[in-house]
């Protein structure tokens, strides 16, 4: 069914991405990848703080002890509460950058990469431990995007956008590692390409569609049951936030839109919110 959105922040971002609710500060973290900006939006005041990062930034997540972890062009970096920065893991590959990322229940960061030219098989999905140890979970992916877990932690969902699928893995409860990759959603007939995703408290998947101008919700059995139209075709990602994690925030982009398309999408690049769409699931902080 169609649902109405509100504009939370008219941002005009190049490549808005990676929304994450920070419970410690009651703010929504999000990034503008190509502008190398990390944003912190306060729904109570409408204020949006901006931190310029040293490289393109695919995602940023809260740390358990304060500060942020960031999936940057050349690897994983840590921002301390006082604003100081240091590298945690070197993932540099010529022509590649960090993209979407998520934190699992054990506090490990799952960080995806992609090539700037989006050439096939040029990206990877890594699992980064709090101490900086890195495991390559998947290689030869193209545009590593949404990662999320079922409420019981037994399933992990994953998007490599050009495949037009959401895949699912079984999670080993002892190690947190995954196996048994298989197709959960075949989205070849859907509008656009699946991009970022989030999982709600009912175990349903909310998937944002790049060049689709829509976020769709799918039940744990893979049935489409909700549809949120977004007045920006380059819809990138979504996450729950606000009191009780009931509000769905949606990021969008202007990158690659010509003047004609931008003229018909004056709100492209904005941050949107669908009130009382949840509840969602709390995102664990990175343990490093």
C-alpha atoms as a PDB file:
ATOM      1  CA  UNK A   1       0.000   0.000   0.000  1.00  0.00           C
ATOM      2  CA  UNK A   2       1.165   3.569  -0.540  1.00  0.00           C
ATOM      3  CA  UNK A   3       2.219   5.620   2.495  1.00  0.00           C
ATOM      4  CA  UNK A   4       2.986   9.279   3.039  1.00  0.00           C
ATOM      5  CA  UNK A   5       6.435  10.555   3.943  1.00  0.00           C
ATOM      6  CA  UNK A   6       7.638  13.721   5.613  1.00  0.00           C
ATOM      7  CA  UNK A   7      10.874  15.511   4.834  1.00  0.00           C
ATOM      8  CA  UNK A   8      13.044  15.252   7.938  1.00  0.00           C
ATOM      9  CA  UNK A   9      15.891  17.263   6.409  1.00  0.00           C
ATOM     10  CA  UNK A  10      16.114  18.908   3.001  1.00  0.00           C
ATOM     11  CA  UNK A  11      19.746  18.051   2.404  1.00  0.00           C
ATOM     12  CA  UNK A  12      20.430  17.783  -1.344  1.00  0.00           C
ATOM     13  CA  UNK A  13      23.121  15.208  -0.640  1.00  0.00           C
ATOM     14  CA  UNK A  14      25.191  13.708  -3.430  1.00  0.00           C
ATOM     15  CA  UNK A  15      24.982  10.155  -2.115  1.00  0.00           C
ATOM     16  CA  UNK A  16      23.092  10.040   1.172  1.00  0.00           C
ATOM     17  CA  UNK A  17      23.470   6.594   2.732  1.00  0.00           C
ATOM     18  CA  UNK A  18      23.908   4.452   5.839  1.00  0.00           C
ATOM     19  CA  UNK A  19      21.292   5.747   8.320  1.00  0.00           C
ATOM     20  CA  UNK A  20      21.788   4.387  11.854  1.00  0.00           C
ATOM     21  CA  UNK A  21      20.076   5.401  15.083  1.00  0.00           C
ATOM     22  CA  UNK A  22      22.545   6.270  17.865  1.00  0.00           C
ATOM     23  CA  UNK A  23      20.694   5.525  21.115  1.00  0.00           C
ATOM     24  CA  UNK A  24      23.367   7.217  23.224  1.00  0.00           C
ATOM     25  CA  UNK A  25      22.814  10.623  21.614  1.00  0.00           C
ATOM     26  CA  UNK A  26      19.231  10.156  20.303  1.00  0.00           C
ATOM     27  CA  UNK A  27      20.459  11.206  16.880  1.00  0.00           C
ATOM     28  CA  UNK A  28      20.395   9.656  13.437  1.00  0.00           C
ATOM     29  CA  UNK A  29      23.813   9.082  11.911  1.00  0.00           C
ATOM     30  CA  UNK A  30      23.998   9.122   8.119  1.00  0.00           C
ATOM     31  CA  UNK A  31      26.670   9.791   5.517  1.00  0.00           C
ATOM     32  CA  UNK A  32      27.065  11.564   2.203  1.00  0.00           C
ATOM     33  CA  UNK A  33      29.577   9.184   0.656  1.00  0.00           C
ATOM     34  CA  UNK A  34      30.909  11.285  -2.207  1.00  0.00           C
ATOM     35  CA  UNK A  35      30.959  14.517  -0.193  1.00  0.00           C
ATOM     36  CA  UNK A  36      33.039  12.751   2.498  1.00  0.00           C
ATOM     37  CA  UNK A  37      30.595  13.875   5.183  1.00  0.00           C
ATOM     38  CA  UNK A  38      29.334  12.195   8.317  1.00  0.00           C
ATOM     39  CA  UNK A  39      26.034  13.679   9.491  1.00  0.00           C
ATOM     40  CA  UNK A  40      24.326  13.608  12.892  1.00  0.00           C
ATOM     41  CA  UNK A  41      20.647  14.592  12.731  1.00  0.00           C
ATOM     42  CA  UNK A  42      18.653  15.549  15.833  1.00  0.00           C
ATOM     43  CA  UNK A  43      14.924  14.976  15.227  1.00  0.00           C
ATOM     44  CA  UNK A  44      14.026  16.997  18.322  1.00  0.00           C
ATOM     45  CA  UNK A  45      15.557  20.203  16.984  1.00  0.00           C
ATOM     46  CA  UNK A  46      15.948  19.559  13.255  1.00  0.00           C
ATOM     47  CA  UNK A  47      19.651  20.358  13.542  1.00  0.00           C
ATOM     48  CA  UNK A  48      22.141  18.387  11.465  1.00  0.00           C
ATOM     49  CA  UNK A  49      25.798  18.339  12.496  1.00  0.00           C
ATOM     50  CA  UNK A  50      28.452  17.558   9.883  1.00  0.00           C
ATOM     51  CA  UNK A  51      31.920  16.036  10.290  1.00  0.00           C
ATOM     52  CA  UNK A  52      34.176  16.117   7.243  1.00  0.00           C
ATOM     53  CA  UNK A  53      35.944  12.786   6.879  1.00  0.00           C
ATOM     54  CA  UNK A  54      39.399  12.390   5.373  1.00  0.00           C
ATOM     55  CA  UNK A  55      38.134  10.055   2.651  1.00  0.00           C
ATOM     56  CA  UNK A  56      34.879   8.989   1.049  1.00  0.00           C
ATOM     57  CA  UNK A  57      32.831   7.310   3.778  1.00  0.00           C
ATOM     58  CA  UNK A  58      30.430   4.445   3.064  1.00  0.00           C
ATOM     59  CA  UNK A  59      28.956   4.128   6.554  1.00  0.00           C
ATOM     60  CA  UNK A  60      29.531   5.130  10.177  1.00  0.00           C
ATOM     61  CA  UNK A  61      28.316   3.366  13.338  1.00  0.00           C
ATOM     62  CA  UNK A  62      28.416   4.170  17.064  1.00  0.00           C
ATOM     63  CA  UNK A  63      31.121   2.593  19.245  1.00  0.00           C
ATOM     64  CA  UNK A  64      30.327   1.051  22.624  1.00  0.00           C
ATOM     65  CA  UNK A  65      32.728   3.365  24.423  1.00  0.00           C
ATOM     66  CA  UNK A  66      31.739   6.477  22.530  1.00  0.00           C
ATOM     67  CA  UNK A  67      32.875   7.809  19.184  1.00  0.00           C
ATOM     68  CA  UNK A  68      32.321   6.236  15.792  1.00  0.00           C
ATOM     69  CA  UNK A  69      33.659   3.540  13.488  1.00  0.00           C
ATOM     70  CA  UNK A  70      33.736   4.448   9.780  1.00  0.00           C
ATOM     71  CA  UNK A  71      33.974   2.390   6.594  1.00  0.00           C
ATOM     72  CA  UNK A  72      36.254   4.665   4.580  1.00  0.00           C
ATOM     73  CA  UNK A  73      37.828   4.416   1.132  1.00  0.00           C
ATOM     74  CA  UNK A  74      40.978   2.661   2.335  1.00  0.00           C
ATOM     75  CA  UNK A  75      39.714   0.760   5.361  1.00  0.00           C
ATOM     76  CA  UNK A  76      38.136   1.002   8.793  1.00  0.00           C
ATOM     77  CA  UNK A  77      38.816   4.087  10.888  1.00  0.00           C
ATOM     78  CA  UNK A  78      37.934   5.018  14.457  1.00  0.00           C
ATOM     79  CA  UNK A  79      36.842   8.429  15.719  1.00  0.00           C
ATOM     80  CA  UNK A  80      37.272   8.818  19.468  1.00  0.00           C
ATOM     81  CA  UNK A  81      34.830  10.869  21.583  1.00  0.00           C
ATOM     82  CA  UNK A  82      37.301  13.779  21.556  1.00  0.00           C
ATOM     83  CA  UNK A  83      37.314  13.781  17.745  1.00  0.00           C
ATOM     84  CA  UNK A  84      40.747  12.221  17.276  1.00  0.00           C
ATOM     85  CA  UNK A  85      41.130   9.634  14.509  1.00  0.00           C
ATOM     86  CA  UNK A  86      43.155   6.477  13.951  1.00  0.00           C
ATOM     87  CA  UNK A  87      43.049   3.553  11.568  1.00  0.00           C
ATOM     88  CA  UNK A  88      41.830   0.158  12.748  1.00  0.00           C
ATOM     89  CA  UNK A  89      42.123  -1.972   9.582  1.00  0.00           C
ATOM     90  CA  UNK A  90      43.792  -1.387   6.224  1.00  0.00           C
ATOM     91  CA  UNK A  91      41.509  -2.601   3.405  1.00  0.00           C
ATOM     92  CA  UNK A  92      42.945  -0.415   0.642  1.00  0.00           C
ATOM     93  CA  UNK A  93      42.489  -1.675  -2.916  1.00  0.00           C
ATOM     94  CA  UNK A  94      43.251   0.618  -5.853  1.00  0.00           C
ATOM     95  CA  UNK A  95      40.022   1.883  -7.390  1.00  0.00           C
ATOM     96  CA  UNK A  96      37.797   0.663  -4.524  1.00  0.00           C
ATOM     97  CA  UNK A  97      35.977   2.317  -1.631  1.00  0.00           C
ATOM     98  CA  UNK A  98      33.972   1.340   1.407  1.00  0.00           C
ATOM     99  CA  UNK A  99      30.200   1.124   1.017  1.00  0.00           C
ATOM    100  CA  UNK A 100      27.400  -0.035   3.328  1.00  0.00           C
ATOM    101  CA  UNK A 101      28.156  -1.633   6.706  1.00  0.00           C
ATOM    102  CA  UNK A 102      26.390  -3.063   9.764  1.00  0.00           C
ATOM    103  CA  UNK A 103      27.236  -4.292  13.267  1.00  0.00           C
ATOM    104  CA  UNK A 104      26.264  -7.764  14.480  1.00  0.00           C
ATOM    105  CA  UNK A 105      25.117  -8.821  17.949  1.00  0.00           C
ATOM    106  CA  UNK A 106      28.720  -9.536  19.005  1.00  0.00           C
ATOM    107  CA  UNK A 107      29.832  -6.006  18.127  1.00  0.00           C
ATOM    108  CA  UNK A 108      31.743  -6.944  14.950  1.00  0.00           C
ATOM    109  CA  UNK A 109      31.551  -4.681  11.877  1.00  0.00           C
ATOM    110  CA  UNK A 110      30.450  -6.163   8.554  1.00  0.00           C
ATOM    111  CA  UNK A 111      31.886  -3.774   5.962  1.00  0.00           C
ATOM    112  CA  UNK A 112      31.282  -3.935   2.225  1.00  0.00           C
ATOM    113  CA  UNK A 113      33.338  -2.485  -0.611  1.00  0.00           C
ATOM    114  CA  UNK A 114      32.899  -1.784  -4.322  1.00  0.00           C
ATOM    115  CA  UNK A 115      34.874  -0.404  -7.225  1.00  0.00           C
ATOM    116  CA  UNK A 116      34.272   3.199  -8.204  1.00  0.00           C
ATOM    117  CA  UNK A 117      33.527   2.039 -11.754  1.00  0.00           C
ATOM    118  CA  UNK A 118      31.190  -0.682 -10.367  1.00  0.00           C
ATOM    119  CA  UNK A 119      32.992  -3.353 -12.401  1.00  0.00           C
ATOM    120  CA  UNK A 120      31.739  -6.887 -11.749  1.00  0.00           C
ATOM    121  CA  UNK A 121      33.388  -8.828  -8.946  1.00  0.00           C
ATOM    122  CA  UNK A 122      35.490  -5.910  -7.721  1.00  0.00           C
ATOM    123  CA  UNK A 123      34.062  -5.670  -4.195  1.00  0.00           C
ATOM    124  CA  UNK A 124      34.175  -7.668  -0.984  1.00  0.00           C
ATOM    125  CA  UNK A 125      32.358  -8.141   2.295  1.00  0.00           C
ATOM    126  CA  UNK A 126      34.567  -8.174   5.397  1.00  0.00           C
ATOM    127  CA  UNK A 127      33.947  -8.967   9.048  1.00  0.00           C
ATOM    128  CA  UNK A 128      36.099  -6.724  11.236  1.00  0.00           C
ATOM    129  CA  UNK A 129      36.710  -7.664  14.868  1.00  0.00           C
ATOM    130  CA  UNK A 130      36.926  -5.044  17.644  1.00  0.00           C
ATOM    131  CA  UNK A 131      40.707  -5.527  17.714  1.00  0.00           C
ATOM    132  CA  UNK A 132      41.049  -4.951  13.981  1.00  0.00           C
ATOM    133  CA  UNK A 133      41.340  -8.558  12.802  1.00  0.00           C
ATOM    134  CA  UNK A 134      39.710  -8.996   9.388  1.00  0.00           C
ATOM    135  CA  UNK A 135      37.993 -11.973   7.767  1.00  0.00           C
ATOM    136  CA  UNK A 136      36.956 -11.829   4.111  1.00  0.00           C
ATOM    137  CA  UNK A 137      33.422 -13.252   4.159  1.00  0.00           C
ATOM    138  CA  UNK A 138      32.685 -12.769   0.446  1.00  0.00           C
ATOM    139  CA  UNK A 139      34.923 -11.853  -2.453  1.00  0.00           C
ATOM    140  CA  UNK A 140      34.024 -11.063  -6.062  1.00  0.00           C
ATOM    141  CA  UNK A 141      30.866  -9.151  -5.194  1.00  0.00           C
ATOM    142  CA  UNK A 142      30.053  -6.064  -7.248  1.00  0.00           C
ATOM    143  CA  UNK A 143      28.199  -3.454  -5.152  1.00  0.00           C
ATOM    144  CA  UNK A 144      28.150  -4.716  -1.557  1.00  0.00           C
ATOM    145  CA  UNK A 145      25.117  -3.139   0.068  1.00  0.00           C
ATOM    146  CA  UNK A 146      22.511  -3.903   2.744  1.00  0.00           C
ATOM    147  CA  UNK A 147      23.285  -6.253   5.652  1.00  0.00           C
ATOM    148  CA  UNK A 148      20.819  -7.161   8.428  1.00  0.00           C
ATOM    149  CA  UNK A 149      19.912  -9.910  10.882  1.00  0.00           C
ATOM    150  CA  UNK A 150      16.644 -11.571  11.879  1.00  0.00           C
ATOM    151  CA  UNK A 151      15.366 -10.790  15.404  1.00  0.00           C
ATOM    152  CA  UNK A 152      16.595 -14.173  16.705  1.00  0.00           C
ATOM    153  CA  UNK A 153      20.015 -13.675  15.106  1.00  0.00           C
ATOM    154  CA  UNK A 154      19.835 -16.950  13.192  1.00  0.00           C
ATOM    155  CA  UNK A 155      19.640 -15.383   9.740  1.00  0.00           C
ATOM    156  CA  UNK A 156      21.689 -12.724   7.984  1.00  0.00           C
ATOM    157  CA  UNK A 157      20.324 -10.937   4.920  1.00  0.00           C
ATOM    158  CA  UNK A 158      22.612  -9.471   2.269  1.00  0.00           C
ATOM    159  CA  UNK A 159      22.366  -7.430  -0.948  1.00  0.00           C
ATOM    160  CA  UNK A 160      24.815  -7.311  -3.854  1.00  0.00           C
ATOM    161  CA  UNK A 161      22.797  -4.752  -5.806  1.00  0.00           C
ATOM    162  CA  UNK A 162      23.342  -5.766  -9.465  1.00  0.00           C
ATOM    163  CA  UNK A 163      22.100  -9.309  -8.728  1.00  0.00           C
ATOM    164  CA  UNK A 164      18.617  -7.854  -7.999  1.00  0.00           C
ATOM    165  CA  UNK A 165      18.321 -10.276  -5.070  1.00  0.00           C
ATOM    166  CA  UNK A 166      18.312 -10.356  -1.321  1.00  0.00           C
ATOM    167  CA  UNK A 167      20.270 -13.410  -0.178  1.00  0.00           C
ATOM    168  CA  UNK A 168      20.070 -15.089   3.221  1.00  0.00           C
ATOM    169  CA  UNK A 169      22.693 -16.942   5.264  1.00  0.00           C
ATOM    170  CA  UNK A 170      22.526 -19.160   8.329  1.00  0.00           C
ATOM    171  CA  UNK A 171      24.415 -17.684  11.290  1.00  0.00           C
ATOM    172  CA  UNK A 172      26.587 -19.905  13.496  1.00  0.00           C
ATOM    173  CA  UNK A 173      25.481 -18.983  17.047  1.00  0.00           C
ATOM    174  CA  UNK A 174      28.924 -19.736  18.439  1.00  0.00           C
ATOM    175  CA  UNK A 175      31.107 -17.744  16.052  1.00  0.00           C
ATOM    176  CA  UNK A 176      28.694 -15.338  14.390  1.00  0.00           C
ATOM    177  CA  UNK A 177      30.015 -16.438  10.994  1.00  0.00           C
ATOM    178  CA  UNK A 178      27.674 -17.313   8.145  1.00  0.00           C
ATOM    179  CA  UNK A 179      27.144 -20.184   5.725  1.00  0.00           C
ATOM    180  CA  UNK A 180      24.515 -21.614   3.393  1.00  0.00           C
ATOM    181  CA  UNK A 181      24.015 -18.605   1.125  1.00  0.00           C
ATOM    182  CA  UNK A 182      20.796 -18.823  -0.866  1.00  0.00           C
ATOM    183  CA  UNK A 183      18.252 -16.539  -2.506  1.00  0.00           C
ATOM    184  CA  UNK A 184      15.615 -15.075  -0.195  1.00  0.00           C
ATOM    185  CA  UNK A 185      14.054 -12.528  -2.561  1.00  0.00           C
ATOM    186  CA  UNK A 186      14.273 -12.525  -6.343  1.00  0.00           C
ATOM    187  CA  UNK A 187      13.678  -8.893  -7.313  1.00  0.00           C
ATOM    188  CA  UNK A 188      14.129  -8.849 -11.069  1.00  0.00           C
ATOM    189  CA  UNK A 189      10.598  -7.485 -11.539  1.00  0.00           C
ATOM    190  CA  UNK A 190      10.909  -4.857  -8.788  1.00  0.00           C
ATOM    191  CA  UNK A 191      11.494  -1.174  -9.558  1.00  0.00           C
ATOM    192  CA  UNK A 192      15.177  -0.325  -9.554  1.00  0.00           C
ATOM    193  CA  UNK A 193      17.952  -2.166  -7.743  1.00  0.00           C
ATOM    194  CA  UNK A 194      17.879  -3.299  -4.095  1.00  0.00           C
ATOM    195  CA  UNK A 195      20.214  -1.125  -2.028  1.00  0.00           C
ATOM    196  CA  UNK A 196      20.199  -0.714   1.764  1.00  0.00           C
ATOM    197  CA  UNK A 197      17.907  -2.665   4.069  1.00  0.00           C
ATOM    198  CA  UNK A 198      16.760  -2.924   7.661  1.00  0.00           C
ATOM    199  CA  UNK A 199      14.873  -5.548   9.664  1.00  0.00           C
ATOM    200  CA  UNK A 200      12.004  -4.699  12.003  1.00  0.00           C
ATOM    201  CA  UNK A 201      10.902  -6.315  15.262  1.00  0.00           C
ATOM    202  CA  UNK A 202       8.492  -8.602  13.377  1.00  0.00           C
ATOM    203  CA  UNK A 203      11.350  -9.957  11.273  1.00  0.00           C
ATOM    204  CA  UNK A 204      10.194  -8.132   8.146  1.00  0.00           C
ATOM    205  CA  UNK A 205      12.727  -6.682   5.694  1.00  0.00           C
ATOM    206  CA  UNK A 206      12.487  -3.090   4.518  1.00  0.00           C
ATOM    207  CA  UNK A 207      14.438  -2.681   1.273  1.00  0.00           C
ATOM    208  CA  UNK A 208      15.305   0.618  -0.444  1.00  0.00           C
ATOM    209  CA  UNK A 209      15.413   0.571  -4.256  1.00  0.00           C
ATOM    210  CA  UNK A 210      18.001   2.637  -6.145  1.00  0.00           C
ATOM    211  CA  UNK A 211      16.357   4.166  -9.236  1.00  0.00           C
ATOM    212  CA  UNK A 212      13.050   2.846  -7.937  1.00  0.00           C
ATOM    213  CA  UNK A 213      11.914   5.723  -5.716  1.00  0.00           C
ATOM    214  CA  UNK A 214      10.463   3.292  -3.219  1.00  0.00           C
ATOM    215  CA  UNK A 215      11.021   1.324  -0.007  1.00  0.00           C
ATOM    216  CA  UNK A 216       9.233  -2.021   0.191  1.00  0.00           C
ATOM    217  CA  UNK A 217       8.620  -4.301   3.179  1.00  0.00           C
ATOM    218  CA  UNK A 218       8.712  -8.075   2.855  1.00  0.00           C
ATOM    219  CA  UNK A 219       7.499 -10.561   5.446  1.00  0.00           C
ATOM    220  CA  UNK A 220       9.822 -13.282   6.831  1.00  0.00           C
ATOM    221  CA  UNK A 221       8.276 -15.557   4.182  1.00  0.00           C
ATOM    222  CA  UNK A 222       9.249 -13.148   1.413  1.00  0.00           C
ATOM    223  CA  UNK A 223       5.817 -11.660   0.684  1.00  0.00           C
ATOM    224  CA  UNK A 224       5.547  -7.975  -0.217  1.00  0.00           C
ATOM    225  CA  UNK A 225       3.128  -6.317   2.212  1.00  0.00           C
ATOM    226  CA  UNK A 226       4.011  -2.595   2.389  1.00  0.00           C
ATOM    227  CA  UNK A 227       5.213  -0.024  -0.112  1.00  0.00           C
ATOM    228  CA  UNK A 228       6.490   3.477   0.646  1.00  0.00           C
ATOM    229  CA  UNK A 229       6.733   5.836  -2.327  1.00  0.00           C
ATOM    230  CA  UNK A 230       9.702   8.237  -2.094  1.00  0.00           C
ATOM    231  CA  UNK A 231       9.822  11.479  -4.140  1.00  0.00           C
ATOM    232  CA  UNK A 232      13.452  10.808  -5.065  1.00  0.00           C
ATOM    233  CA  UNK A 233      14.258   8.031  -7.540  1.00  0.00           C
ATOM    234  CA  UNK A 234      17.684   7.302  -6.065  1.00  0.00           C
ATOM    235  CA  UNK A 235      16.437   5.875  -2.776  1.00  0.00           C
ATOM    236  CA  UNK A 236      19.433   4.370  -0.999  1.00  0.00           C
ATOM    237  CA  UNK A 237      18.820   3.021   2.526  1.00  0.00           C
ATOM    238  CA  UNK A 238      16.519   2.993   5.545  1.00  0.00           C
ATOM    239  CA  UNK A 239      16.710   2.555   9.320  1.00  0.00           C
ATOM    240  CA  UNK A 240      14.447   2.834  12.346  1.00  0.00           C
ATOM    241  CA  UNK A 241      14.979   5.553  14.920  1.00  0.00           C
ATOM    242  CA  UNK A 242      13.262   7.894  17.321  1.00  0.00           C
ATOM    243  CA  UNK A 243      11.342   6.998  20.477  1.00  0.00           C
ATOM    244  CA  UNK A 244      10.785   3.253  20.611  1.00  0.00           C
ATOM    245  CA  UNK A 245      12.502   2.901  17.213  1.00  0.00           C
ATOM    246  CA  UNK A 246       9.140   3.510  15.576  1.00  0.00           C
ATOM    247  CA  UNK A 247      10.088   6.001  12.855  1.00  0.00           C
ATOM    248  CA  UNK A 248      11.589   4.851   9.552  1.00  0.00           C
ATOM    249  CA  UNK A 249      14.278   7.171   8.148  1.00  0.00           C
ATOM    250  CA  UNK A 250      15.151   6.993   4.458  1.00  0.00           C
ATOM    251  CA  UNK A 251      18.217   8.421   2.710  1.00  0.00           C
ATOM    252  CA  UNK A 252      18.368   9.467  -0.954  1.00  0.00           C
ATOM    253  CA  UNK A 253      20.875  10.732  -3.520  1.00  0.00           C
ATOM    254  CA  UNK A 254      21.302  13.187  -6.388  1.00  0.00           C
ATOM    255  CA  UNK A 255      24.471  11.624  -7.843  1.00  0.00           C
ATOM    256  CA  UNK A 256      24.147  10.818 -11.539  1.00  0.00           C
ATOM    257  CA  UNK A 257      20.871  12.676 -12.054  1.00  0.00           C
ATOM    258  CA  UNK A 258      20.948  15.091 -14.979  1.00  0.00           C
ATOM    259  CA  UNK A 259      19.394  18.538 -14.840  1.00  0.00           C
ATOM    260  CA  UNK A 260      16.130  17.308 -16.311  1.00  0.00           C
ATOM    261  CA  UNK A 261      15.636  14.576 -13.729  1.00  0.00           C
ATOM    262  CA  UNK A 262      16.678  16.891 -10.895  1.00  0.00           C
ATOM    263  CA  UNK A 263      14.093  19.450 -12.023  1.00  0.00           C
ATOM    264  CA  UNK A 264      11.349  16.860 -11.515  1.00  0.00           C
ATOM    265  CA  UNK A 265      12.757  15.723  -8.148  1.00  0.00           C
ATOM    266  CA  UNK A 266      13.330  18.867  -6.052  1.00  0.00           C
ATOM    267  CA  UNK A 267      13.561  16.762  -2.869  1.00  0.00           C
ATOM    268  CA  UNK A 268      16.227  14.387  -4.196  1.00  0.00           C
ATOM    269  CA  UNK A 269      19.089  13.999  -1.740  1.00  0.00           C
ATOM    270  CA  UNK A 270      16.836  14.703   1.250  1.00  0.00           C
ATOM    271  CA  UNK A 271      16.409  12.675   4.423  1.00  0.00           C
ATOM    272  CA  UNK A 272      12.819  11.447   4.790  1.00  0.00           C
ATOM    273  CA  UNK A 273      10.884   9.955   7.697  1.00  0.00           C
ATOM    274  CA  UNK A 274       7.812   7.724   7.878  1.00  0.00           C
ATOM    275  CA  UNK A 275       6.387   8.201  11.360  1.00  0.00           C
ATOM    276  CA  UNK A 276       5.190   5.218  13.388  1.00  0.00           C
ATOM    277  CA  UNK A 277       6.265   2.600  10.839  1.00  0.00           C
ATOM    278  CA  UNK A 278       7.967   0.332  13.391  1.00  0.00           C
ATOM    279  CA  UNK A 279       9.023  -0.837  15.774  1.00  0.00           C
ATOM    280  CA  UNK A 280      12.483  -1.608  14.503  1.00  0.00           C
ATOM    281  CA  UNK A 281      15.393  -3.432  16.090  1.00  0.00           C
ATOM    282  CA  UNK A 282      18.167  -1.730  18.045  1.00  0.00           C
ATOM    283  CA  UNK A 283      21.497  -1.608  16.206  1.00  0.00           C
ATOM    284  CA  UNK A 284      24.327  -2.860  18.431  1.00  0.00           C
ATOM    285  CA  UNK A 285      27.346  -0.557  18.780  1.00  0.00           C
ATOM    286  CA  UNK A 286      30.752  -1.571  17.489  1.00  0.00           C
ATOM    287  CA  UNK A 287      32.701  -3.125  20.347  1.00  0.00           C
ATOM    288  CA  UNK A 288      36.069  -1.676  19.318  1.00  0.00           C
END
